[in-house]
Amino acid sequence: MTNKNDLILRFAEPADCSALFDLIKGLAEYEKLSDAVTGNALALKEHLFGSSKYIEAIIAEYTGQAVGFALFFHNYSTFLTKPGIYLEDIFVLPEYRGQGIGKALLTKLAQIAVERDCARLEWSVLDWNEPAQAFYRRMGASILDEWRICRLTGEALTKLGRGE
């Protein structure tokens, strides 16, 4: 059991990018998607801290070790005419689960959303990940069955971008 006094939640810093990318690989392994990881820590660092900052990240640190993270960015609600936060990924190392770290990360994101006058905090969850779905429901989240994610990647994205 972790001692809550030893848990630190903080914004990622440039020196965290290797540890953060290791956590991302841990998430991919958990989701059985390791083969989908084609990026690297250098690209992550550029997107977090470069001239165009596309993402932000919160690191969960326990006794000096990165044990979890939440990676997010702003989106926008046209109906509400307010910004929102989209949580791209949240992950806690398996040996640290069930100790309040995931809840602490979500709470921190909710605080950031409120401070930034955001209308909502949103994320996706895999349909097979029942433990995560149950956890999110306990946090008060609704799972929107009537919405489906649409995605263009790879050749389909390139073709559409060329107007084909």
Protein backbone atom coordinates (compact mmCIF):
# COMPACT_ATOMS: atom_id res chain seq x y z
CA MET A 1 0.00 0.00 0.00
CA THR A 2 1.36 3.39 -0.94
CA ASN A 3 1.59 6.17 1.61
CA LYS A 4 -0.41 9.06 0.15
CA ASN A 5 2.18 11.47 1.55
CA ASP A 6 4.77 9.92 -0.76
CA LEU A 7 2.61 10.42 -3.89
CA ILE A 8 3.37 13.52 -5.95
CA LEU A 9 1.29 14.64 -8.92
CA ARG A 10 3.04 17.19 -11.10
CA PHE A 11 3.21 18.47 -14.63
CA ALA A 12 5.77 16.62 -16.72
CA GLU A 13 9.13 18.28 -17.28
CA PRO A 14 11.52 17.75 -20.22
CA ALA A 15 13.66 15.35 -18.17
CA ASP A 16 10.60 13.09 -17.67
CA CYS A 17 10.14 12.17 -21.33
CA SER A 18 12.03 8.86 -21.24
CA ALA A 19 10.19 7.68 -18.13
CA LEU A 20 6.90 8.91 -19.57
CA PHE A 21 7.53 7.05 -22.81
CA ASP A 22 8.32 3.90 -20.82
CA LEU A 23 4.94 4.26 -19.11
CA ILE A 24 3.30 4.71 -22.52
CA LYS A 25 4.90 1.43 -23.63
CA GLY A 26 3.56 -0.15 -20.43
CA LEU A 27 0.08 1.05 -21.34
CA ALA A 28 0.44 -0.36 -24.86
CA GLU A 29 1.51 -3.70 -23.40
CA TYR A 30 -1.50 -3.73 -21.05
CA GLU A 31 -3.82 -2.99 -23.98
CA LYS A 32 -2.10 -5.67 -26.11
CA LEU A 33 -1.07 -2.95 -28.58
CA SER A 34 2.71 -2.93 -28.21
CA ASP A 35 3.11 -3.33 -31.97
CA ALA A 36 1.20 -0.05 -32.45
CA VAL A 37 3.89 1.99 -30.66
CA THR A 38 5.95 3.57 -33.43
CA GLY A 39 6.81 6.85 -31.72
CA ASN A 40 9.68 7.69 -29.40
CA ALA A 41 10.61 9.80 -26.39
CA LEU A 42 12.17 12.51 -28.57
CA ALA A 43 8.95 13.11 -30.51
CA LEU A 44 7.02 13.06 -27.23
CA LYS A 45 9.35 15.72 -25.82
CA GLU A 46 8.87 17.91 -28.90
CA HIS A 47 5.09 17.68 -28.63
CA LEU A 48 5.11 18.41 -24.90
CA PHE A 49 7.71 21.19 -24.86
CA GLY A 50 8.47 22.30 -28.43
CA SER A 51 7.43 25.49 -30.17
CA SER A 52 3.96 23.99 -30.77
CA LYS A 53 2.77 22.37 -27.58
CA TYR A 54 0.20 19.78 -28.61
CA ILE A 55 -0.17 17.93 -25.32
CA GLU A 56 0.29 18.18 -21.57
CA ALA A 57 1.05 15.43 -19.09
CA ILE A 58 0.71 14.87 -15.38
CA ILE A 59 3.17 12.46 -13.78
CA ALA A 60 2.25 10.40 -10.72
CA GLU A 61 5.46 9.94 -8.78
CA TYR A 62 5.81 7.65 -5.79
CA THR A 63 9.03 7.81 -3.77
CA GLY A 64 10.81 9.38 -6.73
CA GLN A 65 9.62 6.87 -9.34
CA ALA A 66 7.15 7.65 -12.14
CA VAL A 67 4.34 5.12 -11.57
CA GLY A 68 1.56 6.64 -13.64
CA PHE A 69 0.57 9.43 -15.96
CA ALA A 70 -2.29 11.28 -17.59
CA LEU A 71 -1.69 12.76 -21.05
CA PHE A 72 -4.23 15.31 -22.27
CA PHE A 73 -4.98 18.23 -24.56
CA HIS A 74 -7.70 20.82 -25.05
CA ASN A 75 -10.69 20.29 -27.27
CA TYR A 76 -13.71 22.52 -27.79
CA SER A 77 -17.48 22.23 -27.49
CA THR A 78 -19.20 24.25 -30.20
CA PHE A 79 -22.59 23.81 -28.51
CA LEU A 80 -21.33 25.00 -25.13
CA THR A 81 -18.82 27.47 -26.65
CA LYS A 82 -16.28 26.43 -24.06
CA PRO A 83 -13.02 24.53 -24.08
CA GLY A 84 -12.76 21.04 -22.70
CA ILE A 85 -10.00 18.64 -21.84
CA TYR A 86 -9.57 15.37 -23.69
CA LEU A 87 -7.73 12.73 -21.71
CA GLU A 88 -5.81 10.77 -24.33
CA ASP A 89 -4.37 8.24 -21.92
CA ILE A 90 -4.24 7.50 -18.22
CA PHE A 91 -2.13 4.66 -16.84
CA VAL A 92 -0.85 3.38 -13.53
CA LEU A 93 1.71 0.60 -13.31
CA PRO A 94 -0.04 -2.67 -12.38
CA GLU A 95 1.74 -3.04 -9.05
CA TYR A 96 0.47 0.41 -7.96
CA ARG A 97 -3.20 -0.03 -8.96
CA GLY A 98 -5.97 -0.06 -6.38
CA GLN A 99 -4.19 2.49 -4.20
CA GLY A 100 -5.91 5.70 -5.28
CA ILE A 101 -3.35 6.86 -7.85
CA GLY A 102 -5.73 6.67 -10.82
CA LYS A 103 -8.38 8.53 -8.84
CA ALA A 104 -5.79 11.15 -7.84
CA LEU A 105 -4.83 11.64 -11.50
CA LEU A 106 -8.47 12.05 -12.58
CA THR A 107 -9.12 14.41 -9.67
CA LYS A 108 -6.13 16.52 -10.69
CA LEU A 109 -7.41 16.70 -14.27
CA ALA A 110 -10.86 17.70 -13.04
CA GLN A 111 -9.25 20.47 -10.96
CA ILE A 112 -7.33 21.67 -14.03
CA ALA A 113 -10.54 21.63 -16.08
CA VAL A 114 -12.38 23.68 -13.45
CA GLU A 115 -9.47 26.15 -13.10
CA ARG A 116 -9.39 26.62 -16.90
CA ASP A 117 -13.18 27.07 -17.10
CA CYS A 118 -13.62 23.95 -19.22
CA ALA A 119 -17.10 22.58 -19.83
CA ARG A 120 -16.10 18.94 -19.73
CA LEU A 121 -13.44 16.29 -19.31
CA GLU A 122 -13.72 13.44 -21.81
CA TRP A 123 -11.87 10.27 -22.75
CA SER A 124 -12.38 6.92 -24.44
CA VAL A 125 -12.19 3.46 -22.97
CA LEU A 126 -11.78 0.15 -24.77
CA ASP A 127 -14.97 -1.91 -24.85
CA TRP A 128 -13.25 -4.96 -23.33
CA ASN A 129 -11.73 -3.03 -20.42
CA GLU A 130 -14.45 -3.67 -17.85
CA PRO A 131 -12.23 -2.85 -14.83
CA ALA A 132 -11.52 0.61 -16.26
CA GLN A 133 -15.17 1.17 -17.14
CA ALA A 134 -16.22 0.28 -13.60
CA PHE A 135 -13.54 2.57 -12.18
CA TYR A 136 -14.68 5.48 -14.38
CA ARG A 137 -18.30 4.97 -13.39
CA ARG A 138 -17.28 5.06 -9.71
CA MET A 139 -15.65 8.43 -10.43
CA GLY A 140 -19.00 9.69 -11.76
CA ALA A 141 -18.30 9.35 -15.49
CA SER A 142 -20.96 8.46 -18.02
CA ILE A 143 -20.04 6.05 -20.81
CA LEU A 144 -21.75 7.26 -23.96
CA ASP A 145 -22.90 4.18 -25.86
CA GLU A 146 -24.57 6.24 -28.56
CA TRP A 147 -21.29 7.82 -29.75
CA ARG A 148 -18.68 6.10 -31.91
CA ILE A 149 -15.10 7.19 -32.49
CA CYS A 150 -14.22 7.92 -36.12
CA ARG A 151 -10.57 7.81 -37.11
CA LEU A 152 -8.48 8.38 -40.21
CA THR A 153 -4.88 7.12 -40.15
CA GLY A 154 -2.14 6.05 -42.50
CA GLU A 155 -2.98 5.80 -46.18
CA ALA A 156 -6.64 6.74 -45.70
CA LEU A 157 -5.61 10.00 -44.01
CA THR A 158 -3.00 10.72 -46.70
CA LYS A 159 -5.46 10.04 -49.52
CA LEU A 160 -8.13 12.29 -48.06
CA GLY A 161 -5.52 14.96 -47.42
CA ARG A 162 -4.61 14.85 -51.11
CA GLY A 163 -8.28 15.22 -52.01
CA GLU A 164 -8.64 11.69 -53.41
